Amino acid sequence: MRGVVVTVDENELKLVLERLDTVKLELLRLRAMLLPEEKATAEDKKSIVAAKKEIRAGKTANLQEFVEELGC
């Protein structure tokens, strides 16, 4: 496999690095939003286990059908 060589000037490199920093910040924000701030309770854990069993058993719902049923 041959390598690809890309030539950029200093301004282009600065722009790419700034955009990478922006992407990193957005990823950190998303991670903070998506990760729970508190630990799951015993009841939460039981609900998660039950939900996983339902998924394995094929007891799932189609989101699109659910939305249409609600008329959203």
C-alpha atoms as a PDB file:
ATOM      1  CA  MET A   1       0.000   0.000   0.000  1.00  0.00           C
ATOM      2  CA  ARG A   2       1.370   3.382  -0.941  1.00  0.00           C
ATOM      3  CA  GLY A   3       1.254   6.315   1.436  1.00  0.00           C
ATOM      4  CA  VAL A   4      -0.492   9.540   0.566  1.00  0.00           C
ATOM      5  CA  VAL A   5       1.364  12.797   0.952  1.00  0.00           C
ATOM      6  CA  VAL A   6      -0.603  15.959   1.635  1.00  0.00           C
ATOM      7  CA  THR A   7       1.039  19.355   1.697  1.00  0.00           C
ATOM      8  CA  VAL A   8      -0.537  22.201   3.646  1.00  0.00           C
ATOM      9  CA  ASP A   9       0.670  25.644   4.528  1.00  0.00           C
ATOM     10  CA  GLU A  10       0.892  26.985   8.077  1.00  0.00           C
ATOM     11  CA  ASN A  11      -2.520  28.691   7.966  1.00  0.00           C
ATOM     12  CA  GLU A  12      -4.256  25.528   6.772  1.00  0.00           C
ATOM     13  CA  LEU A  13      -2.558  23.526   9.497  1.00  0.00           C
ATOM     14  CA  LYS A  14      -3.685  26.020  12.151  1.00  0.00           C
ATOM     15  CA  LEU A  15      -7.241  25.809  10.826  1.00  0.00           C
ATOM     16  CA  VAL A  16      -7.220  22.006  10.963  1.00  0.00           C
ATOM     17  CA  LEU A  17      -5.832  22.021  14.511  1.00  0.00           C
ATOM     18  CA  GLU A  18      -8.471  24.555  15.639  1.00  0.00           C
ATOM     19  CA  ARG A  19     -11.216  22.400  14.163  1.00  0.00           C
ATOM     20  CA  LEU A  20      -9.801  19.333  15.873  1.00  0.00           C
ATOM     21  CA  ASP A  21      -9.922  21.179  19.184  1.00  0.00           C
ATOM     22  CA  THR A  22     -13.549  22.092  18.485  1.00  0.00           C
ATOM     23  CA  VAL A  23     -14.375  18.459  17.732  1.00  0.00           C
ATOM     24  CA  LYS A  24     -12.644  17.322  20.931  1.00  0.00           C
ATOM     25  CA  LEU A  25     -14.650  19.822  22.980  1.00  0.00           C
ATOM     26  CA  GLU A  26     -17.910  18.704  21.385  1.00  0.00           C
ATOM     27  CA  LEU A  27     -17.092  15.062  22.100  1.00  0.00           C
ATOM     28  CA  LEU A  28     -16.385  15.908  25.736  1.00  0.00           C
ATOM     29  CA  ARG A  29     -19.689  17.796  25.989  1.00  0.00           C
ATOM     30  CA  LEU A  30     -21.597  14.888  24.454  1.00  0.00           C
ATOM     31  CA  ARG A  31     -19.899  12.420  26.769  1.00  0.00           C
ATOM     32  CA  ALA A  32     -20.810  14.534  29.776  1.00  0.00           C
ATOM     33  CA  MET A  33     -24.429  14.723  28.598  1.00  0.00           C
ATOM     34  CA  LEU A  34     -24.761  11.013  27.886  1.00  0.00           C
ATOM     35  CA  LEU A  35     -22.978   9.523  30.867  1.00  0.00           C
ATOM     36  CA  PRO A  36     -25.033   9.227  34.018  1.00  0.00           C
ATOM     37  CA  GLU A  37     -23.957  11.466  36.854  1.00  0.00           C
ATOM     38  CA  GLU A  38     -25.254   9.125  39.522  1.00  0.00           C
ATOM     39  CA  LYS A  39     -24.888   5.398  40.015  1.00  0.00           C
ATOM     40  CA  ALA A  40     -27.743   3.084  39.185  1.00  0.00           C
ATOM     41  CA  THR A  41     -29.803   1.905  42.125  1.00  0.00           C
ATOM     42  CA  ALA A  42     -30.562  -1.767  42.752  1.00  0.00           C
ATOM     43  CA  GLU A  43     -34.015  -1.178  41.243  1.00  0.00           C
ATOM     44  CA  ASP A  44     -32.459   0.462  38.168  1.00  0.00           C
ATOM     45  CA  LYS A  45     -30.138  -2.513  37.726  1.00  0.00           C
ATOM     46  CA  LYS A  46     -33.058  -4.962  37.969  1.00  0.00           C
ATOM     47  CA  SER A  47     -34.928  -2.971  35.313  1.00  0.00           C
ATOM     48  CA  ILE A  48     -31.895  -3.010  33.018  1.00  0.00           C
ATOM     49  CA  VAL A  49     -31.486  -6.783  33.426  1.00  0.00           C
ATOM     50  CA  ALA A  50     -35.197  -7.300  32.701  1.00  0.00           C
ATOM     51  CA  ALA A  51     -35.030  -5.079  29.614  1.00  0.00           C
ATOM     52  CA  LYS A  52     -32.008  -6.982  28.277  1.00  0.00           C
ATOM     53  CA  LYS A  53     -33.892 -10.282  28.755  1.00  0.00           C
ATOM     54  CA  GLU A  54     -36.851  -8.882  26.813  1.00  0.00           C
ATOM     55  CA  ILE A  55     -34.559  -7.808  23.982  1.00  0.00           C
ATOM     56  CA  ARG A  56     -32.925 -11.257  23.828  1.00  0.00           C
ATOM     57  CA  ALA A  57     -36.387 -12.841  23.770  1.00  0.00           C
ATOM     58  CA  GLY A  58     -37.336 -10.671  20.801  1.00  0.00           C
ATOM     59  CA  LYS A  59     -39.819  -8.590  22.729  1.00  0.00           C
ATOM     60  CA  THR A  60     -39.005  -5.318  21.044  1.00  0.00           C
ATOM     61  CA  ALA A  61     -41.052  -2.473  19.660  1.00  0.00           C
ATOM     62  CA  ASN A  62     -40.507  -0.663  16.400  1.00  0.00           C
ATOM     63  CA  LEU A  63     -39.970   3.020  17.158  1.00  0.00           C
ATOM     64  CA  GLN A  64     -41.470   4.170  13.863  1.00  0.00           C
ATOM     65  CA  GLU A  65     -44.637   2.142  14.473  1.00  0.00           C
ATOM     66  CA  PHE A  66     -44.862   3.512  18.008  1.00  0.00           C
ATOM     67  CA  VAL A  67     -44.543   7.095  16.789  1.00  0.00           C
ATOM     68  CA  GLU A  68     -47.176   6.521  14.114  1.00  0.00           C
ATOM     69  CA  GLU A  69     -49.484   4.927  16.682  1.00  0.00           C
ATOM     70  CA  LEU A  70     -49.186   8.011  18.867  1.00  0.00           C
ATOM     71  CA  GLY A  71     -49.813  10.242  15.859  1.00  0.00           C
ATOM     72  CA  CYS A  72     -46.612  12.225  16.265  1.00  0.00           C
END
